[in-house]
Amino acid sequence: MKKTVLSGVQATGSLHLGNYLGSIRNWVKMQEEYNCFFFLADLHSITVDIAPSELKRSVIETLAIYLAAGLDPNKVTIFAQSMVKEHAELAWLLNCVTPLGWLKRMTQFKDKAGKDQEKACLGLFSYPVLMAADILIYKADIVPVGEDQKQHLELTRDIAGVINRKFNKEILKVPEVLIGGSGTRIMSLRDGSKKMSKSDSSDFSRINLRDDNDLIHQKIKKAKTDHLSFVSYDKEARPEISNLLDIYTTLSEEKLENIIQNYEGFAKFKEDLAEIIITNLQPMRDKYLELMNDQEYLLKILHQGAEKARVRASETVNELKEQFGFVI
């Protein structure tokens, strides 16, 4: 029997090269050998202020990008998180056994809430519990994540352990964490110490998957390097050029040492890197535009995926509710 893989992307803002190399491209490969559940995390999206029209648009656009990148709805289950109500139901059950102290140690809340944490919503604080529910509800065997999500995955494993010990049986499956390679953590084009992010105020900090060719050239040309005039790889001393080399090697699948030997300076290196990015993204962008012209098809995929996901999700929730003593 195929192992189950679960992953998702928050449906806010435009997806970028970091999302593609860190997750989506790997999902396309995984769909051939795993039972995959990939979702649009729209419940997570409302933990920050977002206009209703923007949320709806983002869900549809994100789905179109998933499909344009090569995910096949006949091979994987793709759905919007909010369409499977059991996610929220399981999150509440898990909230009731998760110690407050565990959540206070979550570093992402501190980062996202900023200085005035008292004004942050409860949903943002308990975000990791909903994330745990997302994973545990499908009894996933494998959860592919980036390095920055390791703490949340550790919490998920701890929560599953609490439930299983409480009822003295393995109700929730403790998943295996799969940390990817260099492509899993693509950094900002403006600051090599920060992850590429759709929330960054500067659009030139990232390559959006829908950027046109001219804009990609502009962004790579203006990407930060350093005062040295040669190409070399050193994550600590030269984070910006090392990030560009990570992008180059991941997309071209060439050996790092060969790339470094081919370039004396930044100008030709950046020009070639932009072309490599365009070669990889243009077919996806063309397919995306085609899919966006058929909204009815995209909605059909979401509803079919949600219906399929709810079969597995409801089994897990009902099993746990019965253990808690609820009338089923």
Protein backbone atom coordinates (compact mmCIF):
# COMPACT_ATOMS: atom_id res chain seq x y z
CA MET A 1 0.00 0.00 0.00
CA LYS A 2 1.25 3.48 -0.88
CA LYS A 3 2.41 5.73 1.95
CA THR A 4 0.44 8.94 2.56
CA VAL A 5 2.06 12.35 2.03
CA LEU A 6 0.49 15.60 3.27
CA SER A 7 1.52 19.17 2.56
CA GLY A 8 0.03 22.57 1.83
CA VAL A 9 0.68 26.23 1.06
CA GLN A 10 -1.09 29.20 2.60
CA ALA A 11 -3.43 30.79 0.06
CA THR A 12 -2.36 34.40 0.46
CA GLY A 13 -0.42 36.49 -2.01
CA SER A 14 1.39 35.31 -5.08
CA LEU A 15 3.36 32.07 -5.02
CA HIS A 16 7.05 32.54 -5.75
CA LEU A 17 10.14 30.64 -6.81
CA GLY A 18 10.83 29.60 -3.22
CA ASN A 19 7.41 27.90 -3.01
CA TYR A 20 8.02 26.13 -6.30
CA LEU A 21 11.52 24.85 -5.54
CA GLY A 22 10.83 24.21 -1.87
CA SER A 23 7.60 22.30 -2.21
CA ILE A 24 5.52 22.26 -5.41
CA ARG A 25 8.20 20.81 -7.70
CA ASN A 26 8.87 18.04 -5.19
CA TRP A 27 5.13 17.28 -4.94
CA VAL A 28 4.97 16.71 -8.69
CA LYS A 29 7.64 14.02 -8.32
CA MET A 30 6.00 12.48 -5.24
CA GLN A 31 2.57 12.05 -6.84
CA GLU A 32 3.90 9.10 -8.83
CA GLU A 33 4.72 6.93 -5.81
CA TYR A 34 2.69 8.23 -2.86
CA ASN A 35 -0.95 8.76 -1.88
CA CYS A 36 -0.78 12.55 -1.77
CA PHE A 37 -3.01 15.12 -0.08
CA PHE A 38 -2.13 18.70 -1.07
CA PHE A 39 -4.24 21.55 0.25
CA LEU A 40 -4.68 25.31 0.09
CA ALA A 41 -4.43 26.51 3.69
CA ASP A 42 -7.14 29.18 3.59
CA LEU A 43 -8.07 28.72 7.27
CA HIS A 44 -4.51 29.69 8.14
CA SER A 45 -4.80 32.68 5.81
CA ILE A 46 -7.38 34.47 7.97
CA THR A 47 -5.06 34.57 11.00
CA VAL A 48 -3.96 37.87 9.46
CA ASP A 49 -6.15 40.57 7.96
CA ILE A 50 -7.16 39.64 4.40
CA ALA A 51 -10.03 40.92 2.26
CA PRO A 52 -12.68 38.28 1.41
CA SER A 53 -12.31 38.94 -2.32
CA GLU A 54 -8.54 38.52 -2.08
CA LEU A 55 -8.88 35.22 -0.21
CA LYS A 56 -11.23 33.77 -2.84
CA ARG A 57 -9.01 34.95 -5.67
CA SER A 58 -5.88 33.59 -4.01
CA VAL A 59 -7.40 30.12 -3.53
CA ILE A 60 -8.32 29.86 -7.22
CA GLU A 61 -5.00 31.27 -8.40
CA THR A 62 -3.01 28.97 -6.13
CA LEU A 63 -4.91 25.93 -7.39
CA ALA A 64 -4.24 26.98 -10.99
CA ILE A 65 -0.52 27.22 -10.23
CA TYR A 66 -0.54 23.77 -8.59
CA LEU A 67 -2.10 22.27 -11.71
CA ALA A 68 0.07 24.28 -14.10
CA ALA A 69 3.17 23.02 -12.27
CA GLY A 70 2.17 19.44 -13.03
CA LEU A 71 0.00 18.18 -10.19
CA ASP A 72 -2.58 15.77 -11.62
CA PRO A 73 -5.98 15.73 -9.83
CA ASN A 74 -6.40 12.14 -11.03
CA LYS A 75 -3.31 11.14 -9.05
CA VAL A 76 -3.50 13.40 -5.99
CA THR A 77 -6.16 14.88 -3.73
CA ILE A 78 -6.14 18.69 -4.02
CA PHE A 79 -8.55 20.76 -1.95
CA ALA A 80 -9.15 23.94 0.02
CA GLN A 81 -8.69 23.44 3.77
CA SER A 82 -11.93 25.26 4.62
CA MET A 83 -13.96 22.86 2.46
CA VAL A 84 -13.09 20.01 4.85
CA LYS A 85 -14.71 21.11 8.13
CA GLU A 86 -13.07 18.25 10.01
CA HIS A 87 -9.79 20.22 10.02
CA ALA A 88 -11.30 22.81 12.36
CA GLU A 89 -13.07 20.14 14.41
CA LEU A 90 -9.88 18.17 15.01
CA ALA A 91 -7.98 21.37 15.78
CA TRP A 92 -10.41 22.07 18.65
CA LEU A 93 -9.96 18.57 20.07
CA LEU A 94 -6.19 19.00 19.91
CA ASN A 95 -6.41 22.48 21.47
CA CYS A 96 -7.98 20.84 24.50
CA VAL A 97 -4.94 18.63 25.19
CA THR A 98 -2.11 20.96 24.09
CA PRO A 99 -0.28 22.70 26.99
CA LEU A 100 -0.20 26.49 26.69
CA GLY A 101 3.53 26.46 27.40
CA TRP A 102 4.21 24.51 24.23
CA LEU A 103 2.58 27.22 22.10
CA LYS A 104 4.43 30.00 23.92
CA ARG A 105 7.69 28.50 22.73
CA MET A 106 6.71 28.69 19.05
CA THR A 107 9.07 31.19 17.44
CA GLN A 108 6.92 31.90 14.36
CA PHE A 109 4.18 33.47 16.50
CA LYS A 110 6.70 35.95 17.90
CA ASP A 111 7.94 36.74 14.40
CA LYS A 112 4.47 37.20 12.86
CA ALA A 113 2.84 39.00 15.80
CA GLY A 114 5.61 41.57 16.01
CA LYS A 115 6.24 43.74 19.04
CA ASP A 116 2.61 44.12 20.15
CA GLN A 117 1.73 40.47 20.74
CA GLU A 118 -1.28 41.40 22.90
CA LYS A 119 -3.12 42.59 19.78
CA ALA A 120 -2.44 39.40 17.80
CA CYS A 121 -5.46 37.14 17.33
CA LEU A 122 -5.87 33.81 19.11
CA GLY A 123 -5.91 32.07 15.73
CA LEU A 124 -2.35 33.20 15.06
CA PHE A 125 -1.25 31.94 18.48
CA SER A 126 -2.90 28.53 18.03
CA TYR A 127 -1.87 28.31 14.36
CA PRO A 128 0.52 25.38 15.10
CA VAL A 129 -2.36 23.33 16.55
CA LEU A 130 -4.40 23.73 13.36
CA MET A 131 -1.28 22.79 11.43
CA ALA A 132 -0.99 19.66 13.58
CA ALA A 133 -4.63 18.86 12.81
CA ASP A 134 -3.95 19.30 9.08
CA ILE A 135 -1.26 16.64 9.27
CA LEU A 136 -2.71 14.20 11.78
CA ILE A 137 -6.20 14.09 10.27
CA TYR A 138 -4.98 12.10 7.24
CA LYS A 139 -2.68 9.86 9.29
CA ALA A 140 0.16 10.99 7.04
CA ASP A 141 3.29 8.87 6.89
CA ILE A 142 5.48 11.62 5.46
CA VAL A 143 5.33 15.42 5.74
CA PRO A 144 7.76 17.27 3.44
CA VAL A 145 8.73 20.63 4.96
CA GLY A 146 11.39 23.30 4.93
CA GLU A 147 13.84 23.83 7.78
CA ASP A 148 11.72 26.68 9.18
CA GLN A 149 8.79 24.33 9.87
CA LYS A 150 10.73 21.77 11.91
CA GLN A 151 9.55 23.24 15.21
CA HIS A 152 5.90 22.95 14.17
CA LEU A 153 6.40 19.35 13.07
CA GLU A 154 8.00 18.51 16.40
CA LEU A 155 4.94 19.99 18.12
CA THR A 156 2.70 17.85 15.91
CA ARG A 157 4.54 14.73 16.99
CA ASP A 158 4.26 15.79 20.65
CA ILE A 159 0.50 16.41 20.37
CA ALA A 160 -0.03 13.04 18.72
CA GLY A 161 1.90 11.47 21.57
CA VAL A 162 -0.34 13.17 24.16
CA ILE A 163 -3.50 11.82 22.48
CA ASN A 164 -2.11 8.31 22.09
CA ARG A 165 -0.99 8.15 25.72
CA LYS A 166 -4.25 9.64 26.96
CA PHE A 167 -6.30 6.86 25.38
CA ASN A 168 -3.59 4.20 25.57
CA LYS A 169 -3.75 3.37 21.86
CA GLU A 170 -2.33 4.69 18.60
CA ILE A 171 -5.19 6.80 17.30
CA LEU A 172 -3.04 9.45 15.64
CA LYS A 173 -0.11 8.45 13.46
CA VAL A 174 3.18 10.17 14.24
CA PRO A 175 4.49 11.30 10.83
CA GLU A 176 8.01 11.19 9.48
CA VAL A 177 9.44 14.60 8.63
CA LEU A 178 11.09 14.92 5.23
CA ILE A 179 13.50 17.85 4.99
CA GLY A 180 14.45 18.56 1.39
CA GLY A 181 17.74 19.66 -0.17
CA SER A 182 19.06 23.06 -1.25
CA GLY A 183 15.87 23.97 -3.06
CA THR A 184 13.80 23.87 0.12
CA ARG A 185 15.11 27.18 1.44
CA ILE A 186 15.44 29.85 -1.21
CA MET A 187 16.36 33.20 0.28
CA SER A 188 15.35 36.79 -0.48
CA LEU A 189 16.99 38.43 -3.50
CA ARG A 190 17.54 41.53 -1.35
CA ASP A 191 18.76 39.92 1.88
CA GLY A 192 20.45 36.53 1.94
CA SER A 193 19.68 36.07 5.64
CA LYS A 194 15.90 36.05 5.11
CA LYS A 195 13.78 33.42 3.40
CA MET A 196 12.11 34.44 0.13
CA SER A 197 8.61 35.47 1.19
CA LYS A 198 5.39 36.71 -0.37
CA SER A 199 4.91 38.96 2.68
CA ASP A 200 8.12 40.93 2.01
CA SER A 201 7.27 44.55 1.21
CA SER A 202 9.72 44.59 -1.72
CA ASP A 203 8.51 42.79 -4.83
CA PHE A 204 12.14 42.69 -5.96
CA SER A 205 12.94 40.35 -3.07
CA ARG A 206 11.32 37.42 -4.88
CA ILE A 207 10.56 35.89 -8.27
CA ASN A 208 6.80 35.44 -8.47
CA LEU A 209 5.69 32.46 -10.55
CA ARG A 210 3.57 34.82 -12.67
CA ASP A 211 6.30 37.41 -13.33
CA ASP A 212 6.88 38.08 -17.02
CA ASN A 213 10.27 37.52 -18.64
CA ASP A 214 11.37 41.16 -18.58
CA LEU A 215 10.57 41.48 -14.88
CA ILE A 216 12.51 38.31 -14.08
CA HIS A 217 15.55 39.74 -15.87
CA GLN A 218 15.19 43.01 -13.94
CA LYS A 219 14.89 41.28 -10.57
CA ILE A 220 17.90 39.02 -11.11
CA LYS A 221 19.97 41.91 -12.48
CA LYS A 222 19.20 43.93 -9.33
CA ALA A 223 19.57 40.98 -6.95
CA LYS A 224 22.00 41.81 -4.15
CA THR A 225 25.49 40.30 -4.28
CA ASP A 226 28.48 41.82 -2.46
CA HIS A 227 31.63 43.89 -2.96
CA LEU A 228 33.65 40.96 -4.33
CA SER A 229 33.77 40.65 -8.12
CA PHE A 230 33.97 36.87 -8.51
CA VAL A 231 31.50 34.00 -8.17
CA SER A 232 31.99 31.63 -5.23
CA TYR A 233 29.86 29.68 -2.76
CA ASP A 234 29.98 30.46 0.97
CA LYS A 235 26.65 30.49 2.85
CA GLU A 236 28.11 32.30 5.86
CA ALA A 237 30.41 34.87 4.27
CA ARG A 238 28.53 35.37 0.95
CA PRO A 239 24.85 34.53 1.54
CA GLU A 240 23.43 36.46 -1.44
CA ILE A 241 25.58 35.01 -4.22
CA SER A 242 25.30 31.58 -2.56
CA ASN A 243 21.51 31.89 -2.75
CA LEU A 244 21.67 32.69 -6.46
CA LEU A 245 23.93 29.68 -6.96
CA ASP A 246 21.42 27.50 -5.09
CA ILE A 247 18.71 28.63 -7.51
CA TYR A 248 20.99 28.01 -10.50
CA THR A 249 22.03 24.50 -9.43
CA THR A 250 18.50 23.46 -8.44
CA LEU A 251 16.93 24.56 -11.73
CA SER A 252 19.76 23.54 -14.07
CA GLU A 253 20.81 20.40 -12.16
CA GLU A 254 24.41 21.27 -13.02
CA LYS A 255 27.21 20.69 -10.53
CA LEU A 256 28.04 23.69 -8.36
CA GLU A 257 31.78 23.57 -9.08
CA ASN A 258 31.15 23.59 -12.85
CA ILE A 259 28.91 26.65 -12.60
CA ILE A 260 31.46 28.56 -10.52
CA GLN A 261 34.23 27.76 -13.03
CA ASN A 262 32.11 29.07 -15.92
CA TYR A 263 31.84 32.64 -14.61
CA GLU A 264 34.40 35.30 -13.77
CA GLY A 265 31.93 37.99 -12.74
CA PHE A 266 28.27 38.61 -11.94
CA ALA A 267 26.91 40.14 -15.17
CA LYS A 268 26.94 37.03 -17.40
CA PHE A 269 26.10 34.80 -14.44
CA LYS A 270 22.95 36.82 -13.66
CA GLU A 271 21.94 36.98 -17.33
CA ASP A 272 22.19 33.19 -17.68
CA LEU A 273 20.43 32.61 -14.35
CA ALA A 274 17.49 34.75 -15.48
CA GLU A 275 17.22 32.69 -18.69
CA ILE A 276 17.28 29.43 -16.72
CA ILE A 277 14.48 30.69 -14.48
CA ILE A 278 12.43 31.78 -17.51
CA THR A 279 12.94 28.42 -19.25
CA ASN A 280 11.57 26.66 -16.17
CA LEU A 281 8.70 29.03 -15.37
CA GLN A 282 7.33 30.11 -18.77
CA PRO A 283 5.53 26.82 -19.62
CA MET A 284 3.96 26.89 -16.17
CA ARG A 285 2.90 30.51 -16.58
CA ASP A 286 1.32 29.79 -19.98
CA LYS A 287 -0.62 26.83 -18.57
CA TYR A 288 -1.68 28.92 -15.58
CA LEU A 289 -3.22 31.58 -17.83
CA GLU A 290 -5.07 28.88 -19.76
CA LEU A 291 -6.49 27.36 -16.55
CA MET A 292 -7.58 30.74 -15.18
CA ASN A 293 -9.90 31.06 -18.18
CA ASP A 294 -11.86 28.03 -16.96
CA GLN A 295 -13.00 28.89 -13.43
CA GLU A 296 -15.74 26.27 -13.54
CA TYR A 297 -13.15 23.52 -14.00
CA LEU A 298 -11.03 24.82 -11.11
CA LEU A 299 -14.02 24.90 -8.75
CA LYS A 300 -14.93 21.38 -9.80
CA ILE A 301 -11.42 20.17 -8.89
CA LEU A 302 -11.67 21.82 -5.46
CA HIS A 303 -15.05 20.27 -4.66
CA GLN A 304 -14.05 16.81 -5.89
CA GLY A 305 -10.85 16.97 -3.86
CA ALA A 306 -12.68 18.09 -0.72
CA GLU A 307 -15.22 15.29 -1.06
CA LYS A 308 -12.43 12.73 -1.33
CA ALA A 309 -10.47 14.26 1.57
CA ARG A 310 -13.50 14.28 3.87
CA VAL A 311 -13.81 10.50 3.66
CA ARG A 312 -10.40 10.05 5.30
CA ALA A 313 -10.73 13.09 7.59
CA SER A 314 -14.12 12.11 9.03
CA GLU A 315 -12.83 8.64 9.92
CA THR A 316 -10.05 10.13 12.05
CA VAL A 317 -12.26 12.72 13.74
CA ASN A 318 -15.03 10.25 14.56
CA GLU A 319 -12.53 7.77 15.97
CA LEU A 320 -11.11 10.44 18.26
CA LYS A 321 -14.51 11.84 19.26
CA GLU A 322 -15.57 8.37 20.31
CA GLN A 323 -12.51 8.11 22.54
CA PHE A 324 -13.31 11.48 24.14
CA GLY A 325 -16.82 10.23 24.90
CA PHE A 326 -18.86 12.26 22.42
CA VAL A 327 -22.09 10.79 21.10
CA ILE A 328 -21.40 9.83 17.48
